């Protein structure tokens, strides 16, 4: 091998080493930039998600925001096996305590809400903070009605109103007037049809709201997928409302049973507990 050939090979090797070093330096310099870009993308995405969540309550649960239909989800929504619904920050939709028609089968069809006696013109308010999804009229159904989606994941329906006081996409607070009691639509007398749905699944409002006491039944409600929210959970007291009892210090199952006119076995069955279950103050038990 002559000198010129050796020189050419040496130059090529030096060039390759230099190129490799340059590439490594470029990659090293680019890495922090990539990390910054990812951080920017992540922050932008988080900001967008927060904006969507602020715009539409329960954004992470629902597949869309539809201003046309109450039952707008069908098979497009993924229903979790269980979900705890926060009931704090509530407001009773009406001060009326009289239930005229419970949740459950009625006239060979399902009645998916509670009918609460109100007079025409009585103020109806939002049960929780949320955003108005629907303000419409349905002649053979809800009449004048309002649907609100709430931060806790549920949607509430207020039917047979004489007048709606809110607009579509309006943000409302718990206790804010949203309509006036009426007798519109498929109704045989002035009343409020109050409905609760989670991802389209109807839930008996009496499991969450105690109209007789004007209070929620507990601080939260556990929704369980495929569990019946109708017949097996709608046994009513003589006044048409489900009876609940909040445990106090010193209470026992026998004392609670006597106080509420039921047997200990019935209490255990209704609450899925045993006679040896330790009760804690503040615990809410179903008694009918």
Protein backbone atom coordinates (compact mmCIF):
# COMPACT_ATOMS: atom_id res chain seq x y z
CA UNK A 1 0.00 0.00 0.00
CA UNK A 2 1.53 3.32 -1.05
CA UNK A 3 1.59 6.51 1.01
CA UNK A 4 -1.30 8.19 -0.88
CA UNK A 5 -3.55 5.20 -0.22
CA UNK A 6 -2.67 5.18 3.48
CA UNK A 7 -3.41 8.92 3.63
CA UNK A 8 -6.81 8.46 1.98
CA UNK A 9 -7.82 5.72 4.42
CA UNK A 10 -6.70 7.79 7.37
CA UNK A 11 -8.72 10.81 6.22
CA UNK A 12 -11.82 8.62 5.76
CA UNK A 13 -11.47 7.19 9.28
CA UNK A 14 -11.06 10.65 10.79
CA UNK A 15 -14.12 11.86 8.86
CA UNK A 16 -16.24 8.94 10.11
CA UNK A 17 -15.15 9.53 13.70
CA UNK A 18 -15.87 13.23 13.37
CA UNK A 19 -19.31 12.55 11.83
CA UNK A 20 -20.16 10.06 14.60
CA UNK A 21 -19.08 12.56 17.26
CA UNK A 22 -21.12 15.28 15.56
CA UNK A 23 -24.20 13.02 15.43
CA UNK A 24 -23.85 12.13 19.10
CA UNK A 25 -23.45 15.80 20.00
CA UNK A 26 -26.54 16.64 17.93
CA UNK A 27 -28.57 13.94 19.65
CA UNK A 28 -27.30 15.10 23.03
CA UNK A 29 -28.25 18.71 22.22
CA UNK A 30 -31.65 17.65 20.85
CA UNK A 31 -32.67 15.54 23.88
CA UNK A 32 -33.44 18.50 26.19
CA UNK A 33 -35.38 20.13 23.34
CA UNK A 34 -37.46 16.95 22.91
CA UNK A 35 -38.14 16.87 26.63
CA UNK A 36 -39.24 20.51 26.54
CA UNK A 37 -41.51 19.85 23.55
CA UNK A 38 -43.07 16.90 25.34
CA UNK A 39 -43.55 19.05 28.43
CA UNK A 40 -45.18 21.77 26.33
CA UNK A 41 -47.42 19.21 24.62
CA UNK A 42 -48.35 17.71 27.98
CA UNK A 43 -49.15 21.10 29.48
CA UNK A 44 -51.16 22.09 26.42
CA UNK A 45 -53.08 18.82 26.58
CA UNK A 46 -53.74 19.22 30.28
CA UNK A 47 -54.91 22.78 29.66
CA UNK A 48 -57.22 21.60 26.87
CA UNK A 49 -58.64 18.80 29.04
CA UNK A 50 -59.26 21.24 31.90
CA UNK A 51 -60.95 23.63 29.49
CA UNK A 52 -63.21 20.84 28.21
CA UNK A 53 -63.96 19.70 31.75
CA UNK A 54 -64.85 23.27 32.68
CA UNK A 55 -67.01 23.59 29.59
CA UNK A 56 -68.81 20.28 30.01
CA UNK A 57 -69.30 18.73 33.47
CA UNK A 58 -68.25 15.07 33.84
CA UNK A 59 -66.34 15.38 30.55
CA UNK A 60 -64.24 12.28 31.31
CA UNK A 61 -67.35 10.09 31.72
CA UNK A 62 -69.57 11.10 28.83
CA UNK A 63 -68.84 10.56 25.11
CA UNK A 64 -70.60 13.69 23.87
CA UNK A 65 -72.62 16.80 24.65
CA UNK A 66 -76.00 16.52 22.97
CA UNK A 67 -78.66 19.23 23.21
CA UNK A 68 -81.40 17.21 21.49
CA UNK A 69 -82.10 13.96 23.32
CA UNK A 70 -82.43 12.93 26.97
CA UNK A 71 -81.35 9.38 26.13
CA UNK A 72 -78.44 10.34 23.89
CA UNK A 73 -75.87 7.64 24.63
CA UNK A 74 -77.04 4.07 23.97
CA UNK A 75 -74.14 1.69 23.24
CA UNK A 76 -71.69 4.53 22.65
CA UNK A 77 -70.94 4.94 26.35
CA UNK A 78 -68.75 2.76 28.55
CA UNK A 79 -70.45 2.22 31.91
CA UNK A 80 -68.03 1.50 34.79
CA UNK A 81 -68.61 -1.56 36.99
CA UNK A 82 -69.06 0.78 39.94
CA UNK A 83 -68.95 4.51 40.53
CA UNK A 84 -69.38 6.51 43.74
CA UNK A 85 -71.62 9.54 43.21
CA UNK A 86 -70.92 12.48 45.51
CA UNK A 87 -74.17 13.85 46.96
CA UNK A 88 -72.70 16.71 48.98
CA UNK A 89 -73.48 20.24 47.88
CA UNK A 90 -77.05 19.23 47.01
CA UNK A 91 -80.26 21.23 47.11
CA UNK A 92 -83.73 19.69 47.16
CA UNK A 93 -85.40 20.55 43.83
CA UNK A 94 -88.63 21.48 45.64
CA UNK A 95 -89.67 21.91 49.29
CA UNK A 96 -92.66 19.65 48.60
CA UNK A 97 -92.54 16.33 50.48
CA UNK A 98 -95.44 14.49 48.85
CA UNK A 99 -94.61 11.72 46.39
CA UNK A 100 -97.59 11.08 44.12
CA UNK A 101 -96.03 8.34 41.97
CA UNK A 102 -92.89 6.32 42.79
CA UNK A 103 -90.14 5.04 40.52
CA UNK A 104 -90.92 1.70 38.88
CA UNK A 105 -93.38 -0.09 36.57
CA UNK A 106 -96.58 1.88 35.94
CA UNK A 107 -99.38 1.34 33.44
CA UNK A 108 -97.39 -1.42 31.68
CA UNK A 109 -94.39 0.83 31.18
CA UNK A 110 -91.41 1.95 33.23
CA UNK A 111 -91.74 5.18 35.20
CA UNK A 112 -88.10 6.32 35.38
CA UNK A 113 -88.53 9.04 37.96
CA UNK A 114 -90.44 10.28 40.98
CA UNK A 115 -93.53 12.46 40.71
CA UNK A 116 -93.54 15.12 43.43
CA UNK A 117 -96.67 17.15 44.10
CA UNK A 118 -96.16 20.84 43.25
CA UNK A 119 -98.55 23.58 42.24
CA UNK A 120 -98.44 25.48 38.97
CA UNK A 121 -95.94 28.31 39.40
CA UNK A 122 -93.98 26.74 42.28
CA UNK A 123 -90.23 27.36 41.94
CA UNK A 124 -88.11 24.35 40.91
CA UNK A 125 -84.36 24.57 41.50
CA UNK A 126 -81.23 22.73 40.36
CA UNK A 127 -80.30 19.81 42.61
CA UNK A 128 -76.52 20.24 42.12
CA UNK A 129 -74.08 22.55 40.36
CA UNK A 130 -73.97 21.79 36.65
CA UNK A 131 -74.66 22.85 33.09
CA UNK A 132 -77.99 22.86 31.26
CA UNK A 133 -77.93 20.32 28.43
CA UNK A 134 -81.55 20.45 27.22
CA UNK A 135 -84.42 22.93 27.36
CA UNK A 136 -87.29 21.58 25.26
CA UNK A 137 -90.98 20.76 24.99
CA UNK A 138 -92.32 17.22 24.48
CA UNK A 139 -96.09 17.09 23.97
CA UNK A 140 -96.59 13.38 24.68
CA UNK A 141 -93.96 13.06 27.37
CA UNK A 142 -92.07 15.47 29.62
CA UNK A 143 -93.92 18.59 28.48
CA UNK A 144 -91.70 21.58 29.20
CA UNK A 145 -88.54 20.06 30.63
CA UNK A 146 -84.92 20.75 31.56
CA UNK A 147 -81.94 18.38 31.67
CA UNK A 148 -78.82 19.30 33.66
CA UNK A 149 -75.51 17.45 33.69
CA UNK A 150 -73.67 17.72 36.99
CA UNK A 151 -70.06 17.62 38.14
CA UNK A 152 -70.71 14.42 40.13
CA UNK A 153 -71.53 12.47 36.95
CA UNK A 154 -75.32 12.31 37.11
CA UNK A 155 -77.90 14.09 35.00
CA UNK A 156 -81.19 15.33 36.43
CA UNK A 157 -84.43 15.77 34.48
CA UNK A 158 -87.21 18.16 35.54
CA UNK A 159 -90.45 17.54 33.67
CA UNK A 160 -93.99 18.98 33.22
CA UNK A 161 -92.87 22.54 33.96
CA UNK A 162 -95.15 25.46 33.20
CA UNK A 163 -92.09 27.53 32.29
CA UNK A 164 -88.33 27.03 31.91
CA UNK A 165 -86.12 29.73 33.44
CA UNK A 166 -82.75 28.67 31.96
CA UNK A 167 -81.16 28.34 28.55
CA UNK A 168 -79.18 25.57 26.83
CA UNK A 169 -75.48 25.53 27.85
CA UNK A 170 -76.12 27.79 30.85
CA UNK A 171 -74.09 27.06 33.97
CA UNK A 172 -76.20 26.79 37.12
CA UNK A 173 -75.57 26.43 40.83
CA UNK A 174 -77.38 24.13 43.26
CA UNK A 175 -80.51 25.91 44.44
CA UNK A 176 -80.73 28.21 41.43
CA UNK A 177 -84.26 28.42 39.93
CA UNK A 178 -84.49 26.50 36.66
CA UNK A 179 -88.27 26.34 36.11
CA UNK A 180 -91.79 26.65 37.48
CA UNK A 181 -94.06 23.75 38.44
CA UNK A 182 -96.72 22.87 35.90
CA UNK A 183 -98.95 20.34 34.19
CA UNK A 184 -97.57 20.21 30.63
CA UNK A 185 -97.03 17.18 28.43
CA UNK A 186 -98.31 13.74 29.43
CA UNK A 187 -99.58 14.73 32.87
CA UNK A 188 -102.80 14.30 34.78
CA UNK A 189 -102.19 17.01 37.35
CA UNK A 190 -99.63 19.60 38.37
CA UNK A 191 -96.45 17.90 39.61
CA UNK A 192 -92.71 17.69 39.09
CA UNK A 193 -91.34 14.64 37.32
CA UNK A 194 -87.83 14.33 38.80
CA UNK A 195 -85.45 11.90 37.15
CA UNK A 196 -81.84 10.89 37.83
CA UNK A 197 -79.63 9.20 35.24
CA UNK A 198 -76.02 8.06 35.24
CA UNK A 199 -74.62 7.60 31.72
CA UNK A 200 -78.19 7.07 30.57
CA UNK A 201 -79.10 4.53 33.27
CA UNK A 202 -82.15 5.58 35.29
CA UNK A 203 -81.71 5.49 39.08
CA UNK A 204 -84.52 5.69 41.60
CA UNK A 205 -84.26 9.25 43.02
CA UNK A 206 -85.56 7.95 46.38
CA UNK A 207 -82.25 6.12 46.82
CA UNK A 208 -80.51 9.50 46.92
CA UNK A 209 -83.16 12.04 47.98
CA UNK A 210 -85.37 11.76 51.04
CA UNK A 211 -88.17 14.17 50.18
CA UNK A 212 -89.94 13.61 53.49
CA UNK A 213 -86.90 14.85 55.42
CA UNK A 214 -85.75 17.25 52.70
CA UNK A 215 -82.28 15.74 52.76
CA UNK A 216 -80.06 13.33 50.85
CA UNK A 217 -79.99 9.77 52.17
CA UNK A 218 -76.19 9.82 52.59
CA UNK A 219 -73.12 11.78 51.50
CA UNK A 220 -72.63 9.50 48.50
CA UNK A 221 -74.35 6.79 46.49
CA UNK A 222 -72.56 3.76 45.06
CA UNK A 223 -73.71 2.97 41.54
CA UNK A 224 -73.14 -0.69 40.63
CA UNK A 225 -73.41 -1.80 37.01
CA UNK A 226 -76.17 -4.32 36.19
CA UNK A 227 -77.72 -3.94 39.64
CA UNK A 228 -81.44 -3.35 39.50
CA UNK A 229 -82.31 0.23 40.36
CA UNK A 230 -86.04 -0.44 40.26
CA UNK A 231 -88.09 -3.28 41.72
CA UNK A 232 -85.64 -4.70 44.28
CA UNK A 233 -84.79 -1.23 45.54
CA UNK A 234 -88.15 0.50 45.67
CA UNK A 235 -90.04 -0.89 48.65
CA UNK A 236 -91.78 2.14 50.14
CA UNK A 237 -93.03 3.23 53.51
CA UNK A 238 -96.71 3.97 53.99
CA UNK A 239 -96.19 7.62 53.07
CA UNK A 240 -94.76 6.65 49.67
CA UNK A 241 -91.12 7.30 50.56
CA UNK A 242 -88.27 4.93 51.34
CA UNK A 243 -87.33 5.14 55.03
CA UNK A 244 -83.72 5.64 56.08
CA UNK A 245 -82.13 5.94 59.49
CA UNK A 246 -78.83 7.58 60.41
CA UNK A 247 -77.05 5.60 63.13
CA UNK A 248 -76.37 7.42 66.39
CA UNK A 249 -73.92 6.66 69.18
CA UNK A 250 -75.23 3.76 71.30
CA UNK A 251 -77.59 2.43 68.63
CA UNK A 252 -77.90 -1.30 67.98
CA UNK A 253 -79.70 -3.21 65.24
CA UNK A 254 -82.43 -4.25 67.67
CA UNK A 255 -83.02 -0.66 68.85
CA UNK A 256 -83.14 0.62 65.27
CA UNK A 257 -85.50 -2.21 64.26
CA UNK A 258 -87.93 -1.41 67.09
CA UNK A 259 -87.76 2.32 66.41
CA UNK A 260 -88.60 1.84 62.74
CA UNK A 261 -91.11 -1.01 63.10
CA UNK A 262 -89.11 -3.64 61.21
CA UNK A 263 -87.33 -6.84 62.13
CA UNK A 264 -83.58 -7.21 62.53
CA UNK A 265 -83.59 -9.76 59.71
CA UNK A 266 -85.27 -7.20 57.42
CA UNK A 267 -82.67 -4.57 58.31
CA UNK A 268 -79.86 -7.01 57.56
CA UNK A 269 -81.41 -8.00 54.23
CA UNK A 270 -82.07 -4.42 53.10
CA UNK A 271 -78.56 -3.28 53.99
CA UNK A 272 -76.66 -6.48 53.14
CA UNK A 273 -75.19 -6.79 56.60
CA UNK A 274 -75.25 -9.43 59.34
CA UNK A 275 -76.43 -9.37 62.95
CA UNK A 276 -72.80 -9.12 64.07
CA UNK A 277 -71.94 -6.13 61.83
CA UNK A 278 -70.50 -3.25 63.86
CA UNK A 279 -72.50 -0.06 63.32
CA UNK A 280 -70.76 3.30 63.19
CA UNK A 281 -72.31 6.69 64.05
CA UNK A 282 -73.35 8.52 60.89
CA UNK A 283 -73.92 5.32 58.94
CA UNK A 284 -77.18 5.39 56.97
CA UNK A 285 -79.39 2.29 57.07
CA UNK A 286 -82.36 1.60 54.88
CA UNK A 287 -85.45 0.62 56.90
CA UNK A 288 -88.11 -0.03 54.25
